[in-house]
């Protein structure tokens, strides 16, 4: 599993763009955006700054979904398919965030 700077992350405005600060103003910078459209850059910075919390939420959701009882295939095949698809999507997102294969 890849390591990342634990959250919370934040962002600050600079003359060059928006800096996503991954270490509470110390040394780790997660990303620097280029000033093009402030509304887009702010949205991107908020998304990047929320990455640690999003990863933890996905891990929690993966544990919850994986622990759910599997519906009976005979009774409700669509629920089983939806549950398996949800788990696949969550696991793929976790793998992408951690650099692992899903």
C-alpha atoms as a PDB file:
ATOM      1  CA  UNK A   1       0.000   0.000   0.000  1.00  0.00           C
ATOM      2  CA  UNK A   2       1.301   3.442  -0.821  1.00  0.00           C
ATOM      3  CA  UNK A   3       1.732   5.890   2.018  1.00  0.00           C
ATOM      4  CA  UNK A   4       0.264   9.352   1.990  1.00  0.00           C
ATOM      5  CA  UNK A   5       0.250  12.256   4.367  1.00  0.00           C
ATOM      6  CA  UNK A   6      -2.703  11.782   6.697  1.00  0.00           C
ATOM      7  CA  UNK A   7      -5.469  14.360   6.676  1.00  0.00           C
ATOM      8  CA  UNK A   8      -6.830  16.788   7.235  1.00  0.00           C
ATOM      9  CA  UNK A   9      -5.574  18.565   4.154  1.00  0.00           C
ATOM     10  CA  UNK A  10      -6.394  22.131   3.220  1.00  0.00           C
ATOM     11  CA  UNK A  11      -5.691  24.635   0.481  1.00  0.00           C
ATOM     12  CA  UNK A  12      -4.362  28.169   0.275  1.00  0.00           C
ATOM     13  CA  UNK A  13      -4.346  30.834  -2.409  1.00  0.00           C
ATOM     14  CA  UNK A  14      -1.018  32.051  -3.764  1.00  0.00           C
ATOM     15  CA  UNK A  15       0.027  34.333  -6.590  1.00  0.00           C
ATOM     16  CA  UNK A  16       0.725  31.232  -8.689  1.00  0.00           C
ATOM     17  CA  UNK A  17      -2.472  29.325  -8.067  1.00  0.00           C
ATOM     18  CA  UNK A  18      -4.044  27.305  -5.318  1.00  0.00           C
ATOM     19  CA  UNK A  19      -1.764  25.083  -3.247  1.00  0.00           C
ATOM     20  CA  UNK A  20      -3.266  21.946  -1.734  1.00  0.00           C
ATOM     21  CA  UNK A  21      -1.533  21.726   1.619  1.00  0.00           C
ATOM     22  CA  UNK A  22      -1.145  18.170   2.851  1.00  0.00           C
ATOM     23  CA  UNK A  23       0.705  18.907   6.069  1.00  0.00           C
ATOM     24  CA  UNK A  24      -0.905  21.833   7.871  1.00  0.00           C
ATOM     25  CA  UNK A  25       1.428  24.501   6.503  1.00  0.00           C
ATOM     26  CA  UNK A  26       4.651  22.575   7.018  1.00  0.00           C
ATOM     27  CA  UNK A  27       6.454  20.983   4.058  1.00  0.00           C
ATOM     28  CA  UNK A  28       4.159  18.615   2.156  1.00  0.00           C
ATOM     29  CA  UNK A  29       2.389  20.029  -0.861  1.00  0.00           C
ATOM     30  CA  UNK A  30      -0.053  17.682  -2.559  1.00  0.00           C
ATOM     31  CA  UNK A  31      -0.729  19.807  -5.636  1.00  0.00           C
ATOM     32  CA  UNK A  32      -0.456  23.257  -7.103  1.00  0.00           C
ATOM     33  CA  UNK A  33      -3.153  24.372  -9.505  1.00  0.00           C
ATOM     34  CA  UNK A  34      -2.622  27.001 -12.176  1.00  0.00           C
ATOM     35  CA  UNK A  35      -4.818  30.054 -12.045  1.00  0.00           C
ATOM     36  CA  UNK A  36      -7.188  29.810 -14.953  1.00  0.00           C
ATOM     37  CA  UNK A  37     -10.716  29.974 -13.621  1.00  0.00           C
ATOM     38  CA  UNK A  38     -10.930  30.500  -9.862  1.00  0.00           C
ATOM     39  CA  UNK A  39     -14.235  28.642  -9.509  1.00  0.00           C
ATOM     40  CA  UNK A  40     -12.814  25.553 -11.236  1.00  0.00           C
ATOM     41  CA  UNK A  41      -9.543  25.770  -9.320  1.00  0.00           C
ATOM     42  CA  UNK A  42     -11.365  26.094  -5.994  1.00  0.00           C
ATOM     43  CA  UNK A  43     -13.510  23.062  -6.836  1.00  0.00           C
ATOM     44  CA  UNK A  44     -10.394  21.065  -7.782  1.00  0.00           C
ATOM     45  CA  UNK A  45      -8.580  22.150  -4.614  1.00  0.00           C
ATOM     46  CA  UNK A  46     -11.541  21.137  -2.443  1.00  0.00           C
ATOM     47  CA  UNK A  47     -11.632  17.722  -4.126  1.00  0.00           C
ATOM     48  CA  UNK A  48      -7.890  17.193  -3.673  1.00  0.00           C
ATOM     49  CA  UNK A  49      -7.995  18.402  -0.060  1.00  0.00           C
ATOM     50  CA  UNK A  50     -10.771  15.903   0.720  1.00  0.00           C
ATOM     51  CA  UNK A  51      -8.752  12.929  -0.617  1.00  0.00           C
ATOM     52  CA  UNK A  52      -7.724  11.451   2.767  1.00  0.00           C
ATOM     53  CA  UNK A  53     -11.292  11.570   4.076  1.00  0.00           C
ATOM     54  CA  UNK A  54     -12.681  10.147   0.826  1.00  0.00           C
ATOM     55  CA  UNK A  55     -10.226   7.243   0.979  1.00  0.00           C
ATOM     56  CA  UNK A  56     -11.197   6.454   4.571  1.00  0.00           C
ATOM     57  CA  UNK A  57     -14.897   6.628   3.664  1.00  0.00           C
ATOM     58  CA  UNK A  58     -14.340   4.215   0.767  1.00  0.00           C
ATOM     59  CA  UNK A  59     -12.488   1.793   3.025  1.00  0.00           C
ATOM     60  CA  UNK A  60     -15.342   1.914   5.531  1.00  0.00           C
ATOM     61  CA  UNK A  61     -17.921   1.410   2.770  1.00  0.00           C
ATOM     62  CA  UNK A  62     -15.914  -1.525   1.383  1.00  0.00           C
ATOM     63  CA  UNK A  63     -15.897  -3.229   4.783  1.00  0.00           C
ATOM     64  CA  UNK A  64     -19.624  -2.627   5.222  1.00  0.00           C
ATOM     65  CA  UNK A  65     -20.614  -3.834   1.744  1.00  0.00           C
ATOM     66  CA  UNK A  66     -18.358  -6.894   1.949  1.00  0.00           C
ATOM     67  CA  UNK A  67     -19.935  -7.894   5.284  1.00  0.00           C
ATOM     68  CA  UNK A  68     -23.537  -7.664   4.051  1.00  0.00           C
ATOM     69  CA  UNK A  69     -25.362 -10.966   3.703  1.00  0.00           C
ATOM     70  CA  UNK A  70     -25.565 -12.003   0.070  1.00  0.00           C
ATOM     71  CA  UNK A  71     -29.117 -12.037  -1.313  1.00  0.00           C
ATOM     72  CA  UNK A  72     -30.401 -15.354  -2.557  1.00  0.00           C
ATOM     73  CA  UNK A  73     -29.749 -15.661  -6.287  1.00  0.00           C
ATOM     74  CA  UNK A  74     -33.061 -17.444  -6.716  1.00  0.00           C
ATOM     75  CA  UNK A  75     -35.007 -14.687  -4.982  1.00  0.00           C
ATOM     76  CA  UNK A  76     -33.256 -11.484  -5.990  1.00  0.00           C
ATOM     77  CA  UNK A  77     -30.549 -11.717  -8.627  1.00  0.00           C
ATOM     78  CA  UNK A  78     -30.655  -7.959  -9.321  1.00  0.00           C
ATOM     79  CA  UNK A  79     -29.763  -7.118  -5.696  1.00  0.00           C
ATOM     80  CA  UNK A  80     -26.835  -9.529  -5.731  1.00  0.00           C
ATOM     81  CA  UNK A  81     -25.571  -8.069  -9.014  1.00  0.00           C
ATOM     82  CA  UNK A  82     -25.928  -4.502  -7.700  1.00  0.00           C
ATOM     83  CA  UNK A  83     -24.115  -5.375  -4.464  1.00  0.00           C
ATOM     84  CA  UNK A  84     -21.246  -7.030  -6.334  1.00  0.00           C
ATOM     85  CA  UNK A  85     -20.993  -4.102  -8.768  1.00  0.00           C
ATOM     86  CA  UNK A  86     -20.925  -1.576  -5.925  1.00  0.00           C
ATOM     87  CA  UNK A  87     -18.178  -3.520  -4.191  1.00  0.00           C
ATOM     88  CA  UNK A  88     -16.192  -3.686  -7.436  1.00  0.00           C
ATOM     89  CA  UNK A  89     -16.414   0.092  -7.954  1.00  0.00           C
ATOM     90  CA  UNK A  90     -15.437   0.859  -4.351  1.00  0.00           C
ATOM     91  CA  UNK A  91     -12.491  -1.549  -4.453  1.00  0.00           C
ATOM     92  CA  UNK A  92     -11.285  -0.101  -7.771  1.00  0.00           C
ATOM     93  CA  UNK A  93     -11.345   3.425  -6.338  1.00  0.00           C
ATOM     94  CA  UNK A  94      -9.408   2.309  -3.245  1.00  0.00           C
ATOM     95  CA  UNK A  95      -6.865   0.538  -5.432  1.00  0.00           C
ATOM     96  CA  UNK A  96      -6.396   3.632  -7.570  1.00  0.00           C
ATOM     97  CA  UNK A  97      -5.917   5.819  -4.506  1.00  0.00           C
ATOM     98  CA  UNK A  98      -3.427   3.458  -2.878  1.00  0.00           C
ATOM     99  CA  UNK A  99      -1.564   2.338  -5.999  1.00  0.00           C
ATOM    100  CA  UNK A 100      -2.641  -1.280  -5.587  1.00  0.00           C
ATOM    101  CA  UNK A 101      -4.307  -3.502  -8.140  1.00  0.00           C
ATOM    102  CA  UNK A 102      -8.013  -4.133  -7.632  1.00  0.00           C
END
